[in-house]
Amino acid sequence: MLPETGALVEVADPAQPYVLLDAVGDVVEPVSAFFAELQACSRPPSTIRSYGMDLLRWWRFLLCTLQVGVPAVSL
């Protein structure tokens, strides 16, 4: 089971209908850039929400397994 950290939040800005927030409430910038690309390609908000829910699950998975935010070390 994945932790309930982060959130996909609907915002009132039609140019950016959703944002993905990390565990402390900061916007996940790479996801925002991806959402902007989808918006520029005229994808409907429902598509952005769908991708956002998938990315939220992926973000939670990464927090559990890869410890996001911890620098990677070469072996």
N, C-alpha and C. Protein backbone atom coordinates (compact mmCIF):
# COMPACT_ATOMS: atom_id res chain seq x y z
N MET A 1 0.85 -1.17 0.00
CA MET A 1 0.00 0.00 0.00
C MET A 1 0.90 1.24 0.00
N LEU A 2 0.54 2.21 -0.80
CA LEU A 2 1.33 3.43 -0.92
C LEU A 2 0.89 4.46 0.11
N PRO A 3 1.82 5.29 0.58
CA PRO A 3 1.44 6.34 1.54
C PRO A 3 0.58 7.40 0.87
N GLU A 4 -0.25 8.02 1.65
CA GLU A 4 -1.13 9.09 1.14
C GLU A 4 -0.41 10.43 1.21
N THR A 5 0.71 10.55 0.50
CA THR A 5 1.45 11.80 0.47
C THR A 5 1.29 12.45 -0.88
N GLY A 6 1.37 13.76 -0.92
CA GLY A 6 1.18 14.49 -2.17
C GLY A 6 -0.29 14.55 -2.53
N ALA A 7 -0.58 15.31 -3.58
CA ALA A 7 -1.97 15.47 -4.01
C ALA A 7 -2.02 16.03 -5.42
N LEU A 8 -3.05 15.67 -6.13
CA LEU A 8 -3.38 16.32 -7.39
C LEU A 8 -4.49 17.30 -7.08
N VAL A 9 -4.25 18.58 -7.36
CA VAL A 9 -5.19 19.63 -6.96
C VAL A 9 -5.71 20.35 -8.19
N GLU A 10 -7.03 20.49 -8.26
CA GLU A 10 -7.64 21.29 -9.32
C GLU A 10 -7.55 22.76 -8.92
N VAL A 11 -7.10 23.59 -9.84
CA VAL A 11 -6.98 25.02 -9.57
C VAL A 11 -7.91 25.79 -10.50
N ALA A 12 -8.17 27.03 -10.18
CA ALA A 12 -9.14 27.83 -10.93
C ALA A 12 -8.56 28.40 -12.23
N ASP A 13 -7.30 28.17 -12.51
CA ASP A 13 -6.65 28.72 -13.70
C ASP A 13 -6.92 27.81 -14.91
N PRO A 14 -7.68 28.28 -15.92
CA PRO A 14 -7.96 27.44 -17.08
C PRO A 14 -6.70 27.09 -17.89
N ALA A 15 -5.65 27.89 -17.75
CA ALA A 15 -4.40 27.60 -18.46
C ALA A 15 -3.61 26.49 -17.78
N GLN A 16 -3.92 26.22 -16.53
CA GLN A 16 -3.26 25.16 -15.77
C GLN A 16 -4.29 24.56 -14.82
N PRO A 17 -5.15 23.64 -15.32
CA PRO A 17 -6.27 23.17 -14.51
C PRO A 17 -5.90 22.31 -13.31
N TYR A 18 -4.72 21.67 -13.33
CA TYR A 18 -4.30 20.80 -12.23
C TYR A 18 -2.83 21.02 -11.92
N VAL A 19 -2.47 20.82 -10.64
CA VAL A 19 -1.07 20.80 -10.23
C VAL A 19 -0.86 19.59 -9.33
N LEU A 20 0.33 19.04 -9.39
CA LEU A 20 0.71 17.94 -8.51
C LEU A 20 1.57 18.51 -7.39
N LEU A 21 1.17 18.23 -6.16
CA LEU A 21 1.89 18.72 -4.98
C LEU A 21 2.62 17.57 -4.32
N ASP A 22 3.82 17.87 -3.81
CA ASP A 22 4.58 16.84 -3.10
C ASP A 22 4.11 16.76 -1.64
N ALA A 23 4.83 16.01 -0.83
CA ALA A 23 4.42 15.75 0.55
C ALA A 23 4.36 17.01 1.42
N VAL A 24 5.14 18.04 1.07
CA VAL A 24 5.11 19.27 1.87
C VAL A 24 4.27 20.37 1.23
N GLY A 25 3.60 20.06 0.13
CA GLY A 25 2.71 21.03 -0.51
C GLY A 25 3.33 21.86 -1.60
N ASP A 26 4.57 21.55 -1.99
CA ASP A 26 5.23 22.27 -3.09
C ASP A 26 4.84 21.65 -4.42
N VAL A 27 4.75 22.49 -5.44
CA VAL A 27 4.42 22.02 -6.79
C VAL A 27 5.58 21.18 -7.33
N VAL A 28 5.27 20.04 -7.94
CA VAL A 28 6.28 19.20 -8.58
C VAL A 28 6.49 19.78 -9.98
N GLU A 29 7.56 20.54 -10.16
CA GLU A 29 7.78 21.32 -11.39
C GLU A 29 7.87 20.47 -12.67
N PRO A 30 8.55 19.32 -12.68
CA PRO A 30 8.58 18.54 -13.92
C PRO A 30 7.19 18.11 -14.39
N VAL A 31 6.32 17.83 -13.44
CA VAL A 31 4.95 17.45 -13.78
C VAL A 31 4.20 18.67 -14.32
N SER A 32 4.41 19.83 -13.73
CA SER A 32 3.77 21.05 -14.23
C SER A 32 4.20 21.35 -15.66
N ALA A 33 5.46 21.11 -15.97
CA ALA A 33 5.95 21.31 -17.35
C ALA A 33 5.26 20.33 -18.30
N PHE A 34 5.08 19.09 -17.85
CA PHE A 34 4.38 18.10 -18.67
C PHE A 34 2.92 18.50 -18.88
N PHE A 35 2.27 18.97 -17.82
CA PHE A 35 0.88 19.42 -17.95
C PHE A 35 0.78 20.60 -18.91
N ALA A 36 1.75 21.51 -18.88
CA ALA A 36 1.75 22.65 -19.80
C ALA A 36 1.87 22.17 -21.25
N GLU A 37 2.67 21.14 -21.46
CA GLU A 37 2.80 20.56 -22.81
C GLU A 37 1.48 19.95 -23.26
N LEU A 38 0.81 19.25 -22.38
CA LEU A 38 -0.50 18.68 -22.72
C LEU A 38 -1.50 19.80 -23.04
N GLN A 39 -1.47 20.84 -22.24
CA GLN A 39 -2.37 21.99 -22.46
C GLN A 39 -2.08 22.64 -23.81
N ALA A 40 -0.80 22.78 -24.15
CA ALA A 40 -0.41 23.39 -25.43
C ALA A 40 -0.86 22.54 -26.62
N CYS A 41 -1.01 21.24 -26.39
CA CYS A 41 -1.48 20.33 -27.45
C CYS A 41 -3.00 20.22 -27.46
N SER A 42 -3.67 21.11 -26.74
CA SER A 42 -5.14 21.19 -26.69
C SER A 42 -5.79 19.93 -26.11
N ARG A 43 -5.13 19.31 -25.15
CA ARG A 43 -5.74 18.16 -24.48
C ARG A 43 -6.76 18.67 -23.47
N PRO A 44 -7.87 17.97 -23.33
CA PRO A 44 -8.91 18.42 -22.39
C PRO A 44 -8.45 18.26 -20.94
N PRO A 45 -9.05 19.04 -20.04
CA PRO A 45 -8.69 18.91 -18.63
C PRO A 45 -8.84 17.49 -18.08
N SER A 46 -9.80 16.74 -18.59
CA SER A 46 -9.98 15.36 -18.12
C SER A 46 -8.76 14.49 -18.44
N THR A 47 -8.10 14.75 -19.56
CA THR A 47 -6.88 14.01 -19.91
C THR A 47 -5.76 14.39 -18.96
N ILE A 48 -5.63 15.67 -18.66
CA ILE A 48 -4.59 16.14 -17.75
C ILE A 48 -4.83 15.55 -16.36
N ARG A 49 -6.08 15.50 -15.93
CA ARG A 49 -6.40 14.90 -14.64
C ARG A 49 -6.04 13.42 -14.63
N SER A 50 -6.36 12.71 -15.69
CA SER A 50 -6.05 11.28 -15.77
C SER A 50 -4.54 11.03 -15.67
N TYR A 51 -3.77 11.77 -16.45
CA TYR A 51 -2.31 11.65 -16.35
C TYR A 51 -1.84 12.05 -14.95
N GLY A 52 -2.45 13.07 -14.39
CA GLY A 52 -2.07 13.53 -13.07
C GLY A 52 -2.29 12.48 -11.99
N MET A 53 -3.39 11.75 -12.06
CA MET A 53 -3.64 10.69 -11.09
C MET A 53 -2.60 9.58 -11.22
N ASP A 54 -2.26 9.24 -12.45
CA ASP A 54 -1.21 8.23 -12.67
C ASP A 54 0.14 8.70 -12.14
N LEU A 55 0.47 9.97 -12.40
CA LEU A 55 1.75 10.50 -11.93
C LEU A 55 1.78 10.61 -10.40
N LEU A 56 0.64 10.89 -9.79
CA LEU A 56 0.57 10.92 -8.33
C LEU A 56 0.87 9.54 -7.76
N ARG A 57 0.29 8.50 -8.35
CA ARG A 57 0.60 7.13 -7.90
C ARG A 57 2.07 6.81 -8.09
N TRP A 58 2.64 7.23 -9.23
CA TRP A 58 4.06 7.00 -9.50
C TRP A 58 4.92 7.75 -8.48
N TRP A 59 4.57 9.00 -8.19
CA TRP A 59 5.31 9.80 -7.22
C TRP A 59 5.30 9.11 -5.85
N ARG A 60 4.15 8.60 -5.45
CA ARG A 60 4.06 7.89 -4.17
C ARG A 60 4.91 6.63 -4.18
N PHE A 61 4.90 5.91 -5.29
CA PHE A 61 5.73 4.71 -5.42
C PHE A 61 7.21 5.07 -5.28
N LEU A 62 7.62 6.15 -5.97
CA LEU A 62 9.02 6.57 -5.87
C LEU A 62 9.40 6.95 -4.45
N LEU A 63 8.50 7.61 -3.74
CA LEU A 63 8.78 7.98 -2.35
C LEU A 63 9.03 6.74 -1.50
N CYS A 64 8.31 5.65 -1.79
CA CYS A 64 8.47 4.42 -1.01
C CYS A 64 9.74 3.66 -1.38
N THR A 65 10.09 3.66 -2.65
CA THR A 65 11.14 2.77 -3.10
C THR A 65 12.48 3.44 -3.37
N LEU A 66 12.47 4.63 -3.90
CA LEU A 66 13.71 5.27 -4.32
C LEU A 66 14.12 6.44 -3.44
N GLN A 67 13.30 6.78 -2.49
CA GLN A 67 13.57 7.90 -1.60
C GLN A 67 13.87 9.17 -2.42
N VAL A 68 12.83 9.69 -3.07
CA VAL A 68 12.94 10.91 -3.86
C VAL A 68 13.51 12.03 -3.00
N GLY A 69 14.43 12.77 -3.56
CA GLY A 69 15.05 13.86 -2.83
C GLY A 69 16.39 13.49 -2.24
N VAL A 70 16.69 12.18 -2.19
CA VAL A 70 17.98 11.73 -1.71
C VAL A 70 18.89 11.59 -2.91
N PRO A 71 20.06 12.21 -2.90
CA PRO A 71 20.95 12.13 -4.06
C PRO A 71 21.33 10.69 -4.39
N ALA A 72 21.37 10.38 -5.68
CA ALA A 72 21.78 9.05 -6.12
C ALA A 72 23.28 8.89 -5.96
N VAL A 73 23.69 7.68 -5.70
CA VAL A 73 25.10 7.38 -5.52
C VAL A 73 25.50 6.32 -6.53
N SER A 74 26.61 6.52 -7.21
CA SER A 74 27.11 5.52 -8.15
C SER A 74 27.69 4.35 -7.38
N LEU A 75 27.45 3.16 -7.90
CA LEU A 75 28.01 1.97 -7.26
C LEU A 75 29.26 1.53 -7.94
